[in-house]
Amino acid sequence: YHYLFKKTEPFSLLLASFVFLCSLTFRTLDNALCETIPFGIHFLWHCLNSIVLYLAVRTLIVNEKT
């Protein structure tokens, strides 16, 4: 949609989707790796989700009509 309608930063939501996929992967692997990695990798889920939120909101703001 953003690409077809020539919106600002047309691939930012695609990037956000990729980051979310990585985030979901780390969340899924967290239980399996909990015994191997003592501090776990659950924090990566939260860090990457904050990046997804940033990218989504930024895309909304830069494409907002004034």
PDB file of N, CA and C in Angstrom:
ATOM      1  N   TYR A   1       0.824  -1.189   0.000  1.00  0.00           N
ATOM      2  CA  TYR A   1       0.000   0.000   0.000  1.00  0.00           C
ATOM      3  C   TYR A   1       0.873   1.260   0.000  1.00  0.00           C
ATOM      4  N   HIS A   2       1.836   1.298   0.890  1.00  0.00           N
ATOM      5  CA  HIS A   2       2.702   2.482   0.983  1.00  0.00           C
ATOM      6  C   HIS A   2       3.540   2.653  -0.283  1.00  0.00           C
ATOM      7  N   TYR A   3       3.975   1.544  -0.853  1.00  0.00           N
ATOM      8  CA  TYR A   3       4.763   1.620  -2.074  1.00  0.00           C
ATOM      9  C   TYR A   3       3.891   2.053  -3.260  1.00  0.00           C
ATOM     10  N   LEU A   4       2.709   1.441  -3.399  1.00  0.00           N
ATOM     11  CA  LEU A   4       1.835   1.744  -4.526  1.00  0.00           C
ATOM     12  C   LEU A   4       1.334   3.179  -4.519  1.00  0.00           C
ATOM     13  N   PHE A   5       1.077   3.707  -3.348  1.00  0.00           N
ATOM     14  CA  PHE A   5       0.556   5.067  -3.243  1.00  0.00           C
ATOM     15  C   PHE A   5       1.644   6.098  -2.946  1.00  0.00           C
ATOM     16  N   LYS A   6       2.907   5.676  -3.140  1.00  0.00           N
ATOM     17  CA  LYS A   6       4.068   6.565  -3.006  1.00  0.00           C
ATOM     18  C   LYS A   6       4.086   7.337  -1.681  1.00  0.00           C
ATOM     19  N   LYS A   7       3.875   6.595  -0.631  1.00  0.00           N
ATOM     20  CA  LYS A   7       3.942   7.183   0.705  1.00  0.00           C
ATOM     21  C   LYS A   7       5.396   7.381   1.110  1.00  0.00           C
ATOM     22  N   THR A   8       5.613   8.208   2.119  1.00  0.00           N
ATOM     23  CA  THR A   8       6.956   8.426   2.655  1.00  0.00           C
ATOM     24  C   THR A   8       7.450   7.141   3.317  1.00  0.00           C
ATOM     25  N   GLU A   9       8.693   6.803   3.058  1.00  0.00           N
ATOM     26  CA  GLU A   9       9.311   5.589   3.611  1.00  0.00           C
ATOM     27  C   GLU A   9       8.424   4.356   3.392  1.00  0.00           C
ATOM     28  N   PRO A  10       8.247   3.952   2.146  1.00  0.00           N
ATOM     29  CA  PRO A  10       7.277   2.902   1.824  1.00  0.00           C
ATOM     30  C   PRO A  10       7.609   1.516   2.387  1.00  0.00           C
ATOM     31  N   PHE A  11       8.861   1.277   2.733  1.00  0.00           N
ATOM     32  CA  PHE A  11       9.222  -0.062   3.208  1.00  0.00           C
ATOM     33  C   PHE A  11       9.401  -0.148   4.721  1.00  0.00           C
ATOM     34  N   SER A  12       9.046   0.899   5.436  1.00  0.00           N
ATOM     35  CA  SER A  12       9.260   0.885   6.887  1.00  0.00           C
ATOM     36  C   SER A  12       8.355  -0.126   7.590  1.00  0.00           C
ATOM     37  N   LEU A  13       7.142  -0.316   7.105  1.00  0.00           N
ATOM     38  CA  LEU A  13       6.276  -1.330   7.723  1.00  0.00           C
ATOM     39  C   LEU A  13       6.748  -2.741   7.386  1.00  0.00           C
ATOM     40  N   LEU A  14       7.348  -2.892   6.218  1.00  0.00           N
ATOM     41  CA  LEU A  14       7.943  -4.183   5.869  1.00  0.00           C
ATOM     42  C   LEU A  14       9.113  -4.485   6.800  1.00  0.00           C
ATOM     43  N   LEU A  15       9.910  -3.469   7.079  1.00  0.00           N
ATOM     44  CA  LEU A  15      11.009  -3.620   8.035  1.00  0.00           C
ATOM     45  C   LEU A  15      10.463  -3.955   9.422  1.00  0.00           C
ATOM     46  N   ALA A  16       9.403  -3.287   9.833  1.00  0.00           N
ATOM     47  CA  ALA A  16       8.789  -3.569  11.134  1.00  0.00           C
ATOM     48  C   ALA A  16       8.291  -5.017  11.192  1.00  0.00           C
ATOM     49  N   SER A  17       7.757  -5.519  10.087  1.00  0.00           N
ATOM     50  CA  SER A  17       7.290  -6.911  10.038  1.00  0.00           C
ATOM     51  C   SER A  17       8.452  -7.885  10.190  1.00  0.00           C
ATOM     52  N   PHE A  18       9.570  -7.577   9.555  1.00  0.00           N
ATOM     53  CA  PHE A  18      10.749  -8.432   9.676  1.00  0.00           C
ATOM     54  C   PHE A  18      11.287  -8.433  11.101  1.00  0.00           C
ATOM     55  N   VAL A  19      11.339  -7.261  11.713  1.00  0.00           N
ATOM     56  CA  VAL A  19      11.816  -7.167  13.102  1.00  0.00           C
ATOM     57  C   VAL A  19      10.870  -7.939  14.024  1.00  0.00           C
ATOM     58  N   PHE A  20       9.559  -7.864  13.760  1.00  0.00           N
ATOM     59  CA  PHE A  20       8.607  -8.615  14.572  1.00  0.00           C
ATOM     60  C   PHE A  20       8.804 -10.121  14.401  1.00  0.00           C
ATOM     61  N   LEU A  21       9.099 -10.549  13.189  1.00  0.00           N
ATOM     62  CA  LEU A  21       9.375 -11.971  12.955  1.00  0.00           C
ATOM     63  C   LEU A  21      10.588 -12.424  13.766  1.00  0.00           C
ATOM     64  N   CYS A  22      11.628 -11.605  13.785  1.00  0.00           N
ATOM     65  CA  CYS A  22      12.806 -11.919  14.608  1.00  0.00           C
ATOM     66  C   CYS A  22      12.444 -11.948  16.086  1.00  0.00           C
ATOM     67  N   SER A  23      11.643 -10.983  16.501  1.00  0.00           N
ATOM     68  CA  SER A  23      11.204 -10.908  17.891  1.00  0.00           C
ATOM     69  C   SER A  23      10.426 -12.155  18.295  1.00  0.00           C
ATOM     70  N   LEU A  24       9.523 -12.561  17.439  1.00  0.00           N
ATOM     71  CA  LEU A  24       8.714 -13.749  17.712  1.00  0.00           C
ATOM     72  C   LEU A  24       9.573 -15.012  17.744  1.00  0.00           C
ATOM     73  N   THR A  25      10.584 -15.058  16.912  1.00  0.00           N
ATOM     74  CA  THR A  25      11.506 -16.196  16.907  1.00  0.00           C
ATOM     75  C   THR A  25      12.257 -16.293  18.239  1.00  0.00           C
ATOM     76  N   PHE A  26      12.768 -15.157  18.712  1.00  0.00           N
ATOM     77  CA  PHE A  26      13.462 -15.168  20.007  1.00  0.00           C
ATOM     78  C   PHE A  26      12.518 -15.559  21.139  1.00  0.00           C
ATOM     79  N   ARG A  27      11.282 -15.102  21.080  1.00  0.00           N
ATOM     80  CA  ARG A  27      10.304 -15.437  22.123  1.00  0.00           C
ATOM     81  C   ARG A  27       9.997 -16.933  22.114  1.00  0.00           C
ATOM     82  N   THR A  28       9.903 -17.508  20.920  1.00  0.00           N
ATOM     83  CA  THR A  28       9.615 -18.932  20.791  1.00  0.00           C
ATOM     84  C   THR A  28      10.784 -19.779  21.296  1.00  0.00           C
ATOM     85  N   LEU A  29      11.995 -19.342  21.028  1.00  0.00           N
ATOM     86  CA  LEU A  29      13.185 -20.098  21.435  1.00  0.00           C
ATOM     87  C   LEU A  29      13.551 -19.900  22.903  1.00  0.00           C
ATOM     88  N   ASP A  30      12.935 -18.940  23.549  1.00  0.00           N
ATOM     89  CA  ASP A  30      13.306 -18.588  24.919  1.00  0.00           C
ATOM     90  C   ASP A  30      13.201 -19.773  25.869  1.00  0.00           C
ATOM     91  N   ASN A  31      12.096 -20.493  25.855  1.00  0.00           N
ATOM     92  CA  ASN A  31      11.934 -21.632  26.774  1.00  0.00           C
ATOM     93  C   ASN A  31      12.939 -22.740  26.486  1.00  0.00           C
ATOM     94  N   ALA A  32      13.192 -22.987  25.218  1.00  0.00           N
ATOM     95  CA  ALA A  32      14.124 -24.060  24.850  1.00  0.00           C
ATOM     96  C   ALA A  32      15.561 -23.714  25.249  1.00  0.00           C
ATOM     97  N   LEU A  33      15.913 -22.456  25.191  1.00  0.00           N
ATOM     98  CA  LEU A  33      17.287 -22.048  25.495  1.00  0.00           C
ATOM     99  C   LEU A  33      17.479 -21.607  26.940  1.00  0.00           C
ATOM    100  N   CYS A  34      16.431 -21.645  27.722  1.00  0.00           N
ATOM    101  CA  CYS A  34      16.496 -21.173  29.104  1.00  0.00           C
ATOM    102  C   CYS A  34      17.530 -21.952  29.922  1.00  0.00           C
ATOM    103  N   GLU A  35      17.614 -23.252  29.706  1.00  0.00           N
ATOM    104  CA  GLU A  35      18.566 -24.063  30.460  1.00  0.00           C
ATOM    105  C   GLU A  35      19.994 -23.854  29.960  1.00  0.00           C
ATOM    106  N   THR A  36      20.155 -23.548  28.682  1.00  0.00           N
ATOM    107  CA  THR A  36      21.480 -23.357  28.091  1.00  0.00           C
ATOM    108  C   THR A  36      22.054 -21.983  28.410  1.00  0.00           C
ATOM    109  N   ILE A  37      21.212 -20.966  28.277  1.00  0.00           N
ATOM    110  CA  ILE A  37      21.643 -19.594  28.537  1.00  0.00           C
ATOM    111  C   ILE A  37      21.007 -19.149  29.854  1.00  0.00           C
ATOM    112  N   PRO A  38      21.782 -19.016  30.903  1.00  0.00           N
ATOM    113  CA  PRO A  38      21.231 -18.751  32.236  1.00  0.00           C
ATOM    114  C   PRO A  38      20.364 -17.486  32.322  1.00  0.00           C
ATOM    115  N   PHE A  39      20.745 -16.421  31.636  1.00  0.00           N
ATOM    116  CA  PHE A  39      19.969 -15.182  31.716  1.00  0.00           C
ATOM    117  C   PHE A  39      18.840 -15.148  30.691  1.00  0.00           C
ATOM    118  N   GLY A  40      18.765 -16.161  29.827  1.00  0.00           N
ATOM    119  CA  GLY A  40      17.683 -16.260  28.858  1.00  0.00           C
ATOM    120  C   GLY A  40      17.791 -15.226  27.745  1.00  0.00           C
ATOM    121  N   ILE A  41      16.832 -15.284  26.840  1.00  0.00           N
ATOM    122  CA  ILE A  41      16.813 -14.323  25.736  1.00  0.00           C
ATOM    123  C   ILE A  41      15.476 -13.589  25.657  1.00  0.00           C
ATOM    124  N   HIS A  42      14.719 -13.676  26.731  1.00  0.00           N
ATOM    125  CA  HIS A  42      13.400 -13.041  26.753  1.00  0.00           C
ATOM    126  C   HIS A  42      13.498 -11.521  26.607  1.00  0.00           C
ATOM    127  N   PHE A  43      14.580 -10.952  27.088  1.00  0.00           N
ATOM    128  CA  PHE A  43      14.748  -9.503  26.976  1.00  0.00           C
ATOM    129  C   PHE A  43      14.811  -9.054  25.520  1.00  0.00           C
ATOM    130  N   LEU A  44      15.289  -9.939  24.615  1.00  0.00           N
ATOM    131  CA  LEU A  44      15.336  -9.592  23.195  1.00  0.00           C
ATOM    132  C   LEU A  44      13.932  -9.411  22.630  1.00  0.00           C
ATOM    133  N   TRP A  45      12.988 -10.201  23.128  1.00  0.00           N
ATOM    134  CA  TRP A  45      11.580 -10.058  22.745  1.00  0.00           C
ATOM    135  C   TRP A  45      11.106  -8.640  23.036  1.00  0.00           C
ATOM    136  N   HIS A  46      11.404  -8.151  24.209  1.00  0.00           N
ATOM    137  CA  HIS A  46      10.956  -6.815  24.596  1.00  0.00           C
ATOM    138  C   HIS A  46      11.695  -5.716  23.814  1.00  0.00           C
ATOM    139  N   CYS A  47      12.982  -5.882  23.649  1.00  0.00           N
ATOM    140  CA  CYS A  47      13.755  -4.876  22.910  1.00  0.00           C
ATOM    141  C   CYS A  47      13.296  -4.784  21.458  1.00  0.00           C
ATOM    142  N   LEU A  48      13.126  -5.922  20.812  1.00  0.00           N
ATOM    143  CA  LEU A  48      12.707  -5.903  19.416  1.00  0.00           C
ATOM    144  C   LEU A  48      11.272  -5.425  19.260  1.00  0.00           C
ATOM    145  N   ASN A  49      10.412  -5.755  20.210  1.00  0.00           N
ATOM    146  CA  ASN A  49       9.037  -5.260  20.140  1.00  0.00           C
ATOM    147  C   ASN A  49       8.982  -3.743  20.282  1.00  0.00           C
ATOM    148  N   SER A  50       9.885  -3.184  21.060  1.00  0.00           N
ATOM    149  CA  SER A  50       9.913  -1.717  21.169  1.00  0.00           C
ATOM    150  C   SER A  50      10.348  -1.097  19.846  1.00  0.00           C
ATOM    151  N   ILE A  51      11.228  -1.760  19.126  1.00  0.00           N
ATOM    152  CA  ILE A  51      11.639  -1.268  17.804  1.00  0.00           C
ATOM    153  C   ILE A  51      10.470  -1.358  16.822  1.00  0.00           C
ATOM    154  N   VAL A  52       9.718  -2.444  16.890  1.00  0.00           N
ATOM    155  CA  VAL A  52       8.530  -2.595  16.034  1.00  0.00           C
ATOM    156  C   VAL A  52       7.536  -1.472  16.314  1.00  0.00           C
ATOM    157  N   LEU A  53       7.300  -1.204  17.558  1.00  0.00           N
ATOM    158  CA  LEU A  53       6.368  -0.130  17.926  1.00  0.00           C
ATOM    159  C   LEU A  53       6.866   1.212  17.414  1.00  0.00           C
ATOM    160  N   TYR A  54       8.149   1.479  17.572  1.00  0.00           N
ATOM    161  CA  TYR A  54       8.738   2.724  17.083  1.00  0.00           C
ATOM    162  C   TYR A  54       8.551   2.862  15.574  1.00  0.00           C
ATOM    163  N   LEU A  55       8.881   1.803  14.831  1.00  0.00           N
ATOM    164  CA  LEU A  55       8.775   1.865  13.374  1.00  0.00           C
ATOM    165  C   LEU A  55       7.331   2.072  12.915  1.00  0.00           C
ATOM    166  N   ALA A  56       6.401   1.389  13.560  1.00  0.00           N
ATOM    167  CA  ALA A  56       4.992   1.516  13.174  1.00  0.00           C
ATOM    168  C   ALA A  56       4.458   2.918  13.459  1.00  0.00           C
ATOM    169  N   VAL A  57       4.762   3.448  14.621  1.00  0.00           N
ATOM    170  CA  VAL A  57       4.282   4.785  14.989  1.00  0.00           C
ATOM    171  C   VAL A  57       4.973   5.844  14.140  1.00  0.00           C
ATOM    172  N   ARG A  58       6.259   5.667  13.884  1.00  0.00           N
ATOM    173  CA  ARG A  58       6.980   6.625  13.047  1.00  0.00           C
ATOM    174  C   ARG A  58       6.393   6.654  11.647  1.00  0.00           C
ATOM    175  N   THR A  59       6.062   5.490  11.098  1.00  0.00           N
ATOM    176  CA  THR A  59       5.453   5.431   9.774  1.00  0.00           C
ATOM    177  C   THR A  59       4.109   6.152   9.760  1.00  0.00           C
ATOM    178  N   LEU A  60       3.348   5.969  10.795  1.00  0.00           N
ATOM    179  CA  LEU A  60       2.062   6.668  10.908  1.00  0.00           C
ATOM    180  C   LEU A  60       2.254   8.173  10.944  1.00  0.00           C
ATOM    181  N   ILE A  61       3.224   8.622  11.714  1.00  0.00           N
ATOM    182  CA  ILE A  61       3.440  10.064  11.877  1.00  0.00           C
ATOM    183  C   ILE A  61       3.956  10.703  10.590  1.00  0.00           C
ATOM    184  N   VAL A  62       4.937  10.083   9.930  1.00  0.00           N
ATOM    185  CA  VAL A  62       5.504  10.711   8.735  1.00  0.00           C
ATOM    186  C   VAL A  62       4.539  10.701   7.551  1.00  0.00           C
ATOM    187  N   ASN A  63       3.529   9.848   7.600  1.00  0.00           N
ATOM    188  CA  ASN A  63       2.542   9.783   6.522  1.00  0.00           C
ATOM    189  C   ASN A  63       1.224  10.465   6.873  1.00  0.00           C
ATOM    190  N   GLU A  64       1.193  11.107   8.009  1.00  0.00           N
ATOM    191  CA  GLU A  64      -0.029  11.789   8.435  1.00  0.00           C
ATOM    192  C   GLU A  64      -0.264  13.027   7.576  1.00  0.00           C
ATOM    193  N   LYS A  65      -1.493  13.194   7.153  1.00  0.00           N
ATOM    194  CA  LYS A  65      -1.828  14.388   6.369  1.00  0.00           C
ATOM    195  C   LYS A  65      -1.985  15.576   7.290  1.00  0.00           C
ATOM    196  N   THR A  66      -1.431  16.693   6.905  1.00  0.00           N
ATOM    197  CA  THR A  66      -1.531  17.890   7.743  1.00  0.00           C
ATOM    198  C   THR A  66      -2.582  18.831   7.207  1.00  0.00           C
TER     199      THR A  66
END
